[in-house]
Amino acid sequence: MPEITEELVREALKDVIDPELGYNVVDLGLVYGVTIQGGNVEVMMTMTTPGCPASNYIQEGAHHRLLAVDGVVDARVSVVWSPPWEPSLMSDDAKQYFGFA
């Protein structure tokens, strides 16, 4: 069974696209933390706004993508609102794409 690493988890989550922005949740800076214990993975993430209409879609997409990672037995995705998301959390590529760089 392959080792599950934070890098592997974040790479998998790049497949989860915010449908309103058309960009992946990792580069948008929505993933705040990853905890791995054996085959169990927990991801703490946020949305761009508390009223994000796509939040359930994104959360479920992240959950399903995590379960598809080789070696992951259980996955939990928790949405948090603190600290609030801001554009400075985006990757340099995403900042450039959205005109923040």
PDB file of N, CA and C in Angstrom:
ATOM      1  N   MET A   1       0.847  -1.173   0.000  1.00  0.00           N
ATOM      2  CA  MET A   1       0.000   0.000   0.000  1.00  0.00           C
ATOM      3  C   MET A   1       0.901   1.247   0.000  1.00  0.00           C
ATOM      4  N   PRO A   2       0.648   2.181  -0.908  1.00  0.00           N
ATOM      5  CA  PRO A   2       1.502   3.364  -0.974  1.00  0.00           C
ATOM      6  C   PRO A   2       1.293   4.280   0.230  1.00  0.00           C
ATOM      7  N   GLU A   3       2.332   5.035   0.532  1.00  0.00           N
ATOM      8  CA  GLU A   3       2.240   5.980   1.640  1.00  0.00           C
ATOM      9  C   GLU A   3       1.392   7.177   1.212  1.00  0.00           C
ATOM     10  N   ILE A   4       0.478   7.561   2.068  1.00  0.00           N
ATOM     11  CA  ILE A   4      -0.350   8.729   1.805  1.00  0.00           C
ATOM     12  C   ILE A   4       0.360   9.931   2.405  1.00  0.00           C
ATOM     13  N   THR A   5       0.639  10.912   1.576  1.00  0.00           N
ATOM     14  CA  THR A   5       1.318  12.119   2.035  1.00  0.00           C
ATOM     15  C   THR A   5       0.426  13.335   1.788  1.00  0.00           C
ATOM     16  N   GLU A   6       0.736  14.429   2.464  1.00  0.00           N
ATOM     17  CA  GLU A   6      -0.019  15.662   2.245  1.00  0.00           C
ATOM     18  C   GLU A   6       0.120  16.114   0.795  1.00  0.00           C
ATOM     19  N   GLU A   7       1.295  15.968   0.241  1.00  0.00           N
ATOM     20  CA  GLU A   7       1.514  16.347  -1.158  1.00  0.00           C
ATOM     21  C   GLU A   7       0.608  15.536  -2.089  1.00  0.00           C
ATOM     22  N   LEU A   8       0.505  14.243  -1.839  1.00  0.00           N
ATOM     23  CA  LEU A   8      -0.360  13.374  -2.642  1.00  0.00           C
ATOM     24  C   LEU A   8      -1.825  13.792  -2.511  1.00  0.00           C
ATOM     25  N   VAL A   9      -2.249  14.110  -1.293  1.00  0.00           N
ATOM     26  CA  VAL A   9      -3.629  14.536  -1.052  1.00  0.00           C
ATOM     27  C   VAL A   9      -3.908  15.851  -1.761  1.00  0.00           C
ATOM     28  N   ARG A  10      -3.021  16.812  -1.626  1.00  0.00           N
ATOM     29  CA  ARG A  10      -3.219  18.115  -2.273  1.00  0.00           C
ATOM     30  C   ARG A  10      -3.228  17.974  -3.792  1.00  0.00           C
ATOM     31  N   GLU A  11      -2.380  17.120  -4.309  1.00  0.00           N
ATOM     32  CA  GLU A  11      -2.359  16.897  -5.760  1.00  0.00           C
ATOM     33  C   GLU A  11      -3.691  16.310  -6.226  1.00  0.00           C
ATOM     34  N   ALA A  12      -4.239  15.373  -5.467  1.00  0.00           N
ATOM     35  CA  ALA A  12      -5.536  14.781  -5.813  1.00  0.00           C
ATOM     36  C   ALA A  12      -6.642  15.831  -5.766  1.00  0.00           C
ATOM     37  N   LEU A  13      -6.577  16.715  -4.776  1.00  0.00           N
ATOM     38  CA  LEU A  13      -7.617  17.738  -4.630  1.00  0.00           C
ATOM     39  C   LEU A  13      -7.571  18.787  -5.736  1.00  0.00           C
ATOM     40  N   LYS A  14      -6.480  18.828  -6.487  1.00  0.00           N
ATOM     41  CA  LYS A  14      -6.426  19.741  -7.637  1.00  0.00           C
ATOM     42  C   LYS A  14      -7.423  19.334  -8.717  1.00  0.00           C
ATOM     43  N   ASP A  15      -7.959  18.126  -8.613  1.00  0.00           N
ATOM     44  CA  ASP A  15      -8.997  17.679  -9.553  1.00  0.00           C
ATOM     45  C   ASP A  15     -10.370  18.243  -9.190  1.00  0.00           C
ATOM     46  N   VAL A  16     -10.491  18.845  -8.017  1.00  0.00           N
ATOM     47  CA  VAL A  16     -11.770  19.401  -7.563  1.00  0.00           C
ATOM     48  C   VAL A  16     -11.821  20.868  -7.990  1.00  0.00           C
ATOM     49  N   ILE A  17     -12.756  21.166  -8.874  1.00  0.00           N
ATOM     50  CA  ILE A  17     -12.854  22.493  -9.467  1.00  0.00           C
ATOM     51  C   ILE A  17     -14.046  23.251  -8.875  1.00  0.00           C
ATOM     52  N   ASP A  18     -13.803  24.479  -8.473  1.00  0.00           N
ATOM     53  CA  ASP A  18     -14.900  25.349  -8.045  1.00  0.00           C
ATOM     54  C   ASP A  18     -15.682  25.685  -9.314  1.00  0.00           C
ATOM     55  N   PRO A  19     -16.947  25.276  -9.412  1.00  0.00           N
ATOM     56  CA  PRO A  19     -17.688  25.453 -10.665  1.00  0.00           C
ATOM     57  C   PRO A  19     -17.962  26.910 -11.016  1.00  0.00           C
ATOM     58  N   GLU A  20     -17.981  27.777 -10.031  1.00  0.00           N
ATOM     59  CA  GLU A  20     -18.220  29.192 -10.319  1.00  0.00           C
ATOM     60  C   GLU A  20     -16.963  29.886 -10.842  1.00  0.00           C
ATOM     61  N   LEU A  21     -15.815  29.497 -10.303  1.00  0.00           N
ATOM     62  CA  LEU A  21     -14.571  30.144 -10.695  1.00  0.00           C
ATOM     63  C   LEU A  21     -13.805  29.367 -11.751  1.00  0.00           C
ATOM     64  N   GLY A  22     -14.117  28.077 -11.918  1.00  0.00           N
ATOM     65  CA  GLY A  22     -13.441  27.268 -12.920  1.00  0.00           C
ATOM     66  C   GLY A  22     -11.981  27.007 -12.604  1.00  0.00           C
ATOM     67  N   TYR A  23     -11.645  26.957 -11.320  1.00  0.00           N
ATOM     68  CA  TYR A  23     -10.261  26.744 -10.907  1.00  0.00           C
ATOM     69  C   TYR A  23     -10.253  25.777  -9.736  1.00  0.00           C
ATOM     70  N   ASN A  24      -9.134  25.052  -9.560  1.00  0.00           N
ATOM     71  CA  ASN A  24      -9.094  24.014  -8.527  1.00  0.00           C
ATOM     72  C   ASN A  24      -8.989  24.600  -7.119  1.00  0.00           C
ATOM     73  N   VAL A  25      -9.506  23.844  -6.159  1.00  0.00           N
ATOM     74  CA  VAL A  25      -9.613  24.309  -4.774  1.00  0.00           C
ATOM     75  C   VAL A  25      -8.259  24.493  -4.082  1.00  0.00           C
ATOM     76  N   VAL A  26      -7.255  23.769  -4.522  1.00  0.00           N
ATOM     77  CA  VAL A  26      -5.930  23.904  -3.910  1.00  0.00           C
ATOM     78  C   VAL A  26      -5.311  25.240  -4.305  1.00  0.00           C
ATOM     79  N   ASP A  27      -5.275  25.511  -5.600  1.00  0.00           N
ATOM     80  CA  ASP A  27      -4.671  26.761  -6.057  1.00  0.00           C
ATOM     81  C   ASP A  27      -5.498  27.983  -5.678  1.00  0.00           C
ATOM     82  N   LEU A  28      -6.792  27.794  -5.445  1.00  0.00           N
ATOM     83  CA  LEU A  28      -7.609  28.901  -4.954  1.00  0.00           C
ATOM     84  C   LEU A  28      -7.306  29.224  -3.489  1.00  0.00           C
ATOM     85  N   GLY A  29      -6.591  28.319  -2.810  1.00  0.00           N
ATOM     86  CA  GLY A  29      -6.253  28.531  -1.404  1.00  0.00           C
ATOM     87  C   GLY A  29      -7.357  28.128  -0.453  1.00  0.00           C
ATOM     88  N   LEU A  30      -8.238  27.243  -0.909  1.00  0.00           N
ATOM     89  CA  LEU A  30      -9.365  26.825  -0.083  1.00  0.00           C
ATOM     90  C   LEU A  30      -9.016  25.699   0.885  1.00  0.00           C
ATOM     91  N   VAL A  31      -7.922  25.000   0.640  1.00  0.00           N
ATOM     92  CA  VAL A  31      -7.511  23.892   1.514  1.00  0.00           C
ATOM     93  C   VAL A  31      -6.593  24.451   2.593  1.00  0.00           C
ATOM     94  N   TYR A  32      -7.088  24.418   3.831  1.00  0.00           N
ATOM     95  CA  TYR A  32      -6.336  24.983   4.951  1.00  0.00           C
ATOM     96  C   TYR A  32      -5.432  23.967   5.636  1.00  0.00           C
ATOM     97  N   GLY A  33      -5.804  22.694   5.620  1.00  0.00           N
ATOM     98  CA  GLY A  33      -4.984  21.716   6.312  1.00  0.00           C
ATOM     99  C   GLY A  33      -5.357  20.302   5.953  1.00  0.00           C
ATOM    100  N   VAL A  34      -4.370  19.418   6.093  1.00  0.00           N
ATOM    101  CA  VAL A  34      -4.541  17.998   5.806  1.00  0.00           C
ATOM    102  C   VAL A  34      -3.968  17.215   6.986  1.00  0.00           C
ATOM    103  N   THR A  35      -4.767  16.289   7.510  1.00  0.00           N
ATOM    104  CA  THR A  35      -4.309  15.403   8.580  1.00  0.00           C
ATOM    105  C   THR A  35      -4.431  13.973   8.078  1.00  0.00           C
ATOM    106  N   ILE A  36      -3.359  13.206   8.259  1.00  0.00           N
ATOM    107  CA  ILE A  36      -3.328  11.821   7.786  1.00  0.00           C
ATOM    108  C   ILE A  36      -2.970  10.914   8.955  1.00  0.00           C
ATOM    109  N   GLN A  37      -3.821   9.914   9.182  1.00  0.00           N
ATOM    110  CA  GLN A  37      -3.536   8.896  10.195  1.00  0.00           C
ATOM    111  C   GLN A  37      -3.815   7.550   9.553  1.00  0.00           C
ATOM    112  N   GLY A  38      -2.746   6.894   9.146  1.00  0.00           N
ATOM    113  CA  GLY A  38      -2.907   5.629   8.433  1.00  0.00           C
ATOM    114  C   GLY A  38      -3.656   5.860   7.140  1.00  0.00           C
ATOM    115  N   GLY A  39      -4.778   5.159   6.967  1.00  0.00           N
ATOM    116  CA  GLY A  39      -5.595   5.316   5.779  1.00  0.00           C
ATOM    117  C   GLY A  39      -6.705   6.336   5.921  1.00  0.00           C
ATOM    118  N   ASN A  40      -6.701   7.057   7.035  1.00  0.00           N
ATOM    119  CA  ASN A  40      -7.726   8.076   7.283  1.00  0.00           C
ATOM    120  C   ASN A  40      -7.174   9.456   6.968  1.00  0.00           C
ATOM    121  N   VAL A  41      -7.933  10.203   6.179  1.00  0.00           N
ATOM    122  CA  VAL A  41      -7.509  11.550   5.780  1.00  0.00           C
ATOM    123  C   VAL A  41      -8.596  12.529   6.159  1.00  0.00           C
ATOM    124  N   GLU A  42      -8.180  13.620   6.798  1.00  0.00           N
ATOM    125  CA  GLU A  42      -9.111  14.704   7.092  1.00  0.00           C
ATOM    126  C   GLU A  42      -8.577  15.970   6.444  1.00  0.00           C
ATOM    127  N   VAL A  43      -9.464  16.675   5.761  1.00  0.00           N
ATOM    128  CA  VAL A  43      -9.105  17.928   5.112  1.00  0.00           C
ATOM    129  C   VAL A  43      -9.959  19.037   5.706  1.00  0.00           C
ATOM    130  N   MET A  44      -9.296  20.106   6.086  1.00  0.00           N
ATOM    131  CA  MET A  44      -9.976  21.316   6.541  1.00  0.00           C
ATOM    132  C   MET A  44      -9.918  22.286   5.376  1.00  0.00           C
ATOM    133  N   MET A  45     -11.093  22.767   4.964  1.00  0.00           N
ATOM    134  CA  MET A  45     -11.116  23.701   3.857  1.00  0.00           C
ATOM    135  C   MET A  45     -12.166  24.768   4.094  1.00  0.00           C
ATOM    136  N   THR A  46     -12.149  25.772   3.254  1.00  0.00           N
ATOM    137  CA  THR A  46     -13.113  26.849   3.341  1.00  0.00           C
ATOM    138  C   THR A  46     -13.682  27.096   1.961  1.00  0.00           C
ATOM    139  N   MET A  47     -14.549  28.067   1.866  1.00  0.00           N
ATOM    140  CA  MET A  47     -15.104  28.500   0.591  1.00  0.00           C
ATOM    141  C   MET A  47     -14.763  29.976   0.424  1.00  0.00           C
ATOM    142  N   THR A  48     -14.934  30.497  -0.772  1.00  0.00           N
ATOM    143  CA  THR A  48     -14.592  31.899  -1.005  1.00  0.00           C
ATOM    144  C   THR A  48     -15.530  32.838  -0.256  1.00  0.00           C
ATOM    145  N   THR A  49     -16.773  32.395  -0.022  1.00  0.00           N
ATOM    146  CA  THR A  49     -17.724  33.182   0.769  1.00  0.00           C
ATOM    147  C   THR A  49     -18.590  32.230   1.594  1.00  0.00           C
ATOM    148  N   PRO A  50     -19.066  32.667   2.759  1.00  0.00           N
ATOM    149  CA  PRO A  50     -19.922  31.793   3.568  1.00  0.00           C
ATOM    150  C   PRO A  50     -21.204  31.370   2.853  1.00  0.00           C
ATOM    151  N   GLY A  51     -21.714  32.166   1.957  1.00  0.00           N
ATOM    152  CA  GLY A  51     -22.940  31.815   1.247  1.00  0.00           C
ATOM    153  C   GLY A  51     -22.692  31.134  -0.076  1.00  0.00           C
ATOM    154  N   CYS A  52     -21.514  30.580  -0.272  1.00  0.00           N
ATOM    155  CA  CYS A  52     -21.151  29.956  -1.545  1.00  0.00           C
ATOM    156  C   CYS A  52     -22.184  28.892  -1.934  1.00  0.00           C
ATOM    157  N   PRO A  53     -22.872  29.081  -3.056  1.00  0.00           N
ATOM    158  CA  PRO A  53     -23.894  28.119  -3.458  1.00  0.00           C
ATOM    159  C   PRO A  53     -23.325  26.759  -3.879  1.00  0.00           C
ATOM    160  N   ALA A  54     -22.038  26.712  -4.143  1.00  0.00           N
ATOM    161  CA  ALA A  54     -21.417  25.461  -4.576  1.00  0.00           C
ATOM    162  C   ALA A  54     -20.729  24.724  -3.443  1.00  0.00           C
ATOM    163  N   SER A  55     -20.918  25.167  -2.195  1.00  0.00           N
ATOM    164  CA  SER A  55     -20.146  24.576  -1.105  1.00  0.00           C
ATOM    165  C   SER A  55     -20.396  23.074  -0.938  1.00  0.00           C
ATOM    166  N   ASN A  56     -21.646  22.621  -1.009  1.00  0.00           N
ATOM    167  CA  ASN A  56     -21.912  21.177  -0.891  1.00  0.00           C
ATOM    168  C   ASN A  56     -21.288  20.415  -2.051  1.00  0.00           C
ATOM    169  N   TYR A  57     -21.391  20.960  -3.248  1.00  0.00           N
ATOM    170  CA  TYR A  57     -20.810  20.334  -4.442  1.00  0.00           C
ATOM    171  C   TYR A  57     -19.293  20.187  -4.275  1.00  0.00           C
ATOM    172  N   ILE A  58     -18.640  21.246  -3.828  1.00  0.00           N
ATOM    173  CA  ILE A  58     -17.184  21.222  -3.658  1.00  0.00           C
ATOM    174  C   ILE A  58     -16.790  20.262  -2.543  1.00  0.00           C
ATOM    175  N   GLN A  59     -17.495  20.310  -1.426  1.00  0.00           N
ATOM    176  CA  GLN A  59     -17.190  19.433  -0.296  1.00  0.00           C
ATOM    177  C   GLN A  59     -17.364  17.961  -0.694  1.00  0.00           C
ATOM    178  N   GLU A  60     -18.455  17.645  -1.365  1.00  0.00           N
ATOM    179  CA  GLU A  60     -18.683  16.264  -1.809  1.00  0.00           C
ATOM    180  C   GLU A  60     -17.656  15.842  -2.854  1.00  0.00           C
ATOM    181  N   GLY A  61     -17.300  16.747  -3.744  1.00  0.00           N
ATOM    182  CA  GLY A  61     -16.276  16.439  -4.745  1.00  0.00           C
ATOM    183  C   GLY A  61     -14.946  16.136  -4.105  1.00  0.00           C
ATOM    184  N   ALA A  62     -14.575  16.911  -3.093  1.00  0.00           N
ATOM    185  CA  ALA A  62     -13.324  16.671  -2.378  1.00  0.00           C
ATOM    186  C   ALA A  62     -13.363  15.320  -1.674  1.00  0.00           C
ATOM    187  N   HIS A  63     -14.478  15.017  -1.035  1.00  0.00           N
ATOM    188  CA  HIS A  63     -14.627  13.741  -0.331  1.00  0.00           C
ATOM    189  C   HIS A  63     -14.472  12.568  -1.296  1.00  0.00           C
ATOM    190  N   HIS A  64     -15.163  12.613  -2.415  1.00  0.00           N
ATOM    191  CA  HIS A  64     -15.084  11.525  -3.396  1.00  0.00           C
ATOM    192  C   HIS A  64     -13.679  11.400  -3.987  1.00  0.00           C
ATOM    193  N   ARG A  65     -13.035  12.533  -4.227  1.00  0.00           N
ATOM    194  CA  ARG A  65     -11.681  12.492  -4.799  1.00  0.00           C
ATOM    195  C   ARG A  65     -10.702  11.898  -3.800  1.00  0.00           C
ATOM    196  N   LEU A  66     -10.853  12.225  -2.523  1.00  0.00           N
ATOM    197  CA  LEU A  66      -9.972  11.661  -1.504  1.00  0.00           C
ATOM    198  C   LEU A  66     -10.132  10.151  -1.407  1.00  0.00           C
ATOM    199  N   LEU A  67     -11.375   9.678  -1.466  1.00  0.00           N
ATOM    200  CA  LEU A  67     -11.611   8.228  -1.390  1.00  0.00           C
ATOM    201  C   LEU A  67     -11.016   7.485  -2.580  1.00  0.00           C
ATOM    202  N   ALA A  68     -10.761   8.185  -3.669  1.00  0.00           N
ATOM    203  CA  ALA A  68     -10.168   7.559  -4.856  1.00  0.00           C
ATOM    204  C   ALA A  68      -8.644   7.467  -4.773  1.00  0.00           C
ATOM    205  N   VAL A  69      -8.040   8.110  -3.773  1.00  0.00           N
ATOM    206  CA  VAL A  69      -6.591   8.047  -3.602  1.00  0.00           C
ATOM    207  C   VAL A  69      -6.212   6.671  -3.089  1.00  0.00           C
ATOM    208  N   ASP A  70      -5.251   6.063  -3.734  1.00  0.00           N
ATOM    209  CA  ASP A  70      -4.792   4.720  -3.359  1.00  0.00           C
ATOM    210  C   ASP A  70      -4.340   4.718  -1.902  1.00  0.00           C
ATOM    211  N   GLY A  71      -4.927   3.842  -1.099  1.00  0.00           N
ATOM    212  CA  GLY A  71      -4.562   3.706   0.308  1.00  0.00           C
ATOM    213  C   GLY A  71      -5.496   4.426   1.265  1.00  0.00           C
ATOM    214  N   VAL A  72      -6.318   5.331   0.758  1.00  0.00           N
ATOM    215  CA  VAL A  72      -7.251   6.037   1.638  1.00  0.00           C
ATOM    216  C   VAL A  72      -8.441   5.130   1.930  1.00  0.00           C
ATOM    217  N   VAL A  73      -8.681   4.894   3.208  1.00  0.00           N
ATOM    218  CA  VAL A  73      -9.775   4.038   3.666  1.00  0.00           C
ATOM    219  C   VAL A  73     -10.998   4.880   4.022  1.00  0.00           C
ATOM    220  N   ASP A  74     -10.741   6.018   4.664  1.00  0.00           N
ATOM    221  CA  ASP A  74     -11.826   6.910   5.061  1.00  0.00           C
ATOM    222  C   ASP A  74     -11.369   8.346   4.870  1.00  0.00           C
ATOM    223  N   ALA A  75     -12.306   9.203   4.485  1.00  0.00           N
ATOM    224  CA  ALA A  75     -11.980  10.613   4.264  1.00  0.00           C
ATOM    225  C   ALA A  75     -13.052  11.473   4.897  1.00  0.00           C
ATOM    226  N   ARG A  76     -12.600  12.590   5.446  1.00  0.00           N
ATOM    227  CA  ARG A  76     -13.524  13.547   6.044  1.00  0.00           C
ATOM    228  C   ARG A  76     -13.121  14.932   5.560  1.00  0.00           C
ATOM    229  N   VAL A  77     -14.101  15.691   5.116  1.00  0.00           N
ATOM    230  CA  VAL A  77     -13.859  17.054   4.659  1.00  0.00           C
ATOM    231  C   VAL A  77     -14.678  17.983   5.549  1.00  0.00           C
ATOM    232  N   SER A  78     -13.994  18.837   6.279  1.00  0.00           N
ATOM    233  CA  SER A  78     -14.662  19.787   7.165  1.00  0.00           C
ATOM    234  C   SER A  78     -14.497  21.190   6.599  1.00  0.00           C
ATOM    235  N   VAL A  79     -15.616  21.908   6.516  1.00  0.00           N
ATOM    236  CA  VAL A  79     -15.577  23.289   6.052  1.00  0.00           C
ATOM    237  C   VAL A  79     -15.524  24.208   7.267  1.00  0.00           C
ATOM    238  N   VAL A  80     -14.546  25.106   7.250  1.00  0.00           N
ATOM    239  CA  VAL A  80     -14.366  26.071   8.333  1.00  0.00           C
ATOM    240  C   VAL A  80     -14.436  27.478   7.746  1.00  0.00           C
ATOM    241  N   TRP A  81     -14.731  28.427   8.598  1.00  0.00           N
ATOM    242  CA  TRP A  81     -14.869  29.811   8.132  1.00  0.00           C
ATOM    243  C   TRP A  81     -13.842  30.747   8.745  1.00  0.00           C
ATOM    244  N   SER A  82     -12.981  30.214   9.576  1.00  0.00           N
ATOM    245  CA  SER A  82     -11.963  31.034  10.202  1.00  0.00           C
ATOM    246  C   SER A  82     -10.605  30.372  10.000  1.00  0.00           C
ATOM    247  N   PRO A  83      -9.653  31.069   9.463  1.00  0.00           N
ATOM    248  CA  PRO A  83      -9.751  32.449   8.998  1.00  0.00           C
ATOM    249  C   PRO A  83     -10.539  32.527   7.696  1.00  0.00           C
ATOM    250  N   PRO A  84     -11.161  33.673   7.448  1.00  0.00           N
ATOM    251  CA  PRO A  84     -11.908  33.817   6.203  1.00  0.00           C
ATOM    252  C   PRO A  84     -10.968  33.793   4.995  1.00  0.00           C
ATOM    253  N   TRP A  85     -11.477  33.270   3.900  1.00  0.00           N
ATOM    254  CA  TRP A  85     -10.687  33.216   2.666  1.00  0.00           C
ATOM    255  C   TRP A  85     -10.461  34.621   2.133  1.00  0.00           C
ATOM    256  N   GLU A  86      -9.307  34.811   1.540  1.00  0.00           N
ATOM    257  CA  GLU A  86      -9.001  36.061   0.846  1.00  0.00           C
ATOM    258  C   GLU A  86      -8.085  35.739  -0.335  1.00  0.00           C
ATOM    259  N   PRO A  87      -8.075  36.591  -1.349  1.00  0.00           N
ATOM    260  CA  PRO A  87      -7.296  36.308  -2.560  1.00  0.00           C
ATOM    261  C   PRO A  87      -5.808  36.072  -2.321  1.00  0.00           C
ATOM    262  N   SER A  88      -5.255  36.601  -1.242  1.00  0.00           N
ATOM    263  CA  SER A  88      -3.822  36.397  -0.980  1.00  0.00           C
ATOM    264  C   SER A  88      -3.484  34.932  -0.727  1.00  0.00           C
ATOM    265  N   LEU A  89      -4.492  34.101  -0.445  1.00  0.00           N
ATOM    266  CA  LEU A  89      -4.264  32.674  -0.189  1.00  0.00           C
ATOM    267  C   LEU A  89      -4.063  31.861  -1.470  1.00  0.00           C
ATOM    268  N   MET A  90      -4.366  32.457  -2.612  1.00  0.00           N
ATOM    269  CA  MET A  90      -4.241  31.738  -3.879  1.00  0.00           C
ATOM    270  C   MET A  90      -2.775  31.505  -4.249  1.00  0.00           C
ATOM    271  N   SER A  91      -2.551  30.474  -5.052  1.00  0.00           N
ATOM    272  CA  SER A  91      -1.213  30.226  -5.592  1.00  0.00           C
ATOM    273  C   SER A  91      -0.862  31.358  -6.555  1.00  0.00           C
ATOM    274  N   ASP A  92       0.410  31.492  -6.861  1.00  0.00           N
ATOM    275  CA  ASP A  92       0.846  32.527  -7.803  1.00  0.00           C
ATOM    276  C   ASP A  92       0.174  32.357  -9.165  1.00  0.00           C
ATOM    277  N   ASP A  93       0.025  31.102  -9.615  1.00  0.00           N
ATOM    278  CA  ASP A  93      -0.638  30.857 -10.899  1.00  0.00           C
ATOM    279  C   ASP A  93      -2.083  31.325 -10.880  1.00  0.00           C
ATOM    280  N   ALA A  94      -2.796  31.037  -9.788  1.00  0.00           N
ATOM    281  CA  ALA A  94      -4.195  31.458  -9.685  1.00  0.00           C
ATOM    282  C   ALA A  94      -4.290  32.979  -9.588  1.00  0.00           C
ATOM    283  N   LYS A  95      -3.395  33.604  -8.844  1.00  0.00           N
ATOM    284  CA  LYS A  95      -3.398  35.068  -8.752  1.00  0.00           C
ATOM    285  C   LYS A  95      -3.216  35.689 -10.127  1.00  0.00           C
ATOM    286  N   GLN A  96      -2.294  35.127 -10.882  1.00  0.00           N
ATOM    287  CA  GLN A  96      -2.061  35.641 -12.237  1.00  0.00           C
ATOM    288  C   GLN A  96      -3.285  35.427 -13.120  1.00  0.00           C
ATOM    289  N   TYR A  97      -3.877  34.251 -13.040  1.00  0.00           N
ATOM    290  CA  TYR A  97      -5.063  33.912 -13.836  1.00  0.00           C
ATOM    291  C   TYR A  97      -6.204  34.886 -13.564  1.00  0.00           C
ATOM    292  N   PHE A  98      -6.405  35.232 -12.284  1.00  0.00           N
ATOM    293  CA  PHE A  98      -7.514  36.098 -11.901  1.00  0.00           C
ATOM    294  C   PHE A  98      -7.129  37.585 -11.867  1.00  0.00           C
ATOM    295  N   GLY A  99      -5.896  37.894 -12.237  1.00  0.00           N
ATOM    296  CA  GLY A  99      -5.474  39.291 -12.320  1.00  0.00           C
ATOM    297  C   GLY A  99      -5.070  39.917 -11.004  1.00  0.00           C
ATOM    298  N   PHE A 100      -4.664  39.103 -10.029  1.00  0.00           N
ATOM    299  CA  PHE A 100      -4.211  39.636  -8.743  1.00  0.00           C
ATOM    300  C   PHE A 100      -2.699  39.790  -8.683  1.00  0.00           C
ATOM    301  N   ALA A 101      -2.011  39.394  -9.737  1.00  0.00           N
ATOM    302  CA  ALA A 101      -0.542  39.474  -9.725  1.00  0.00           C
ATOM    303  C   ALA A 101      -0.049  40.388 -10.824  1.00  0.00           C
TER     304      ALA A 101
END
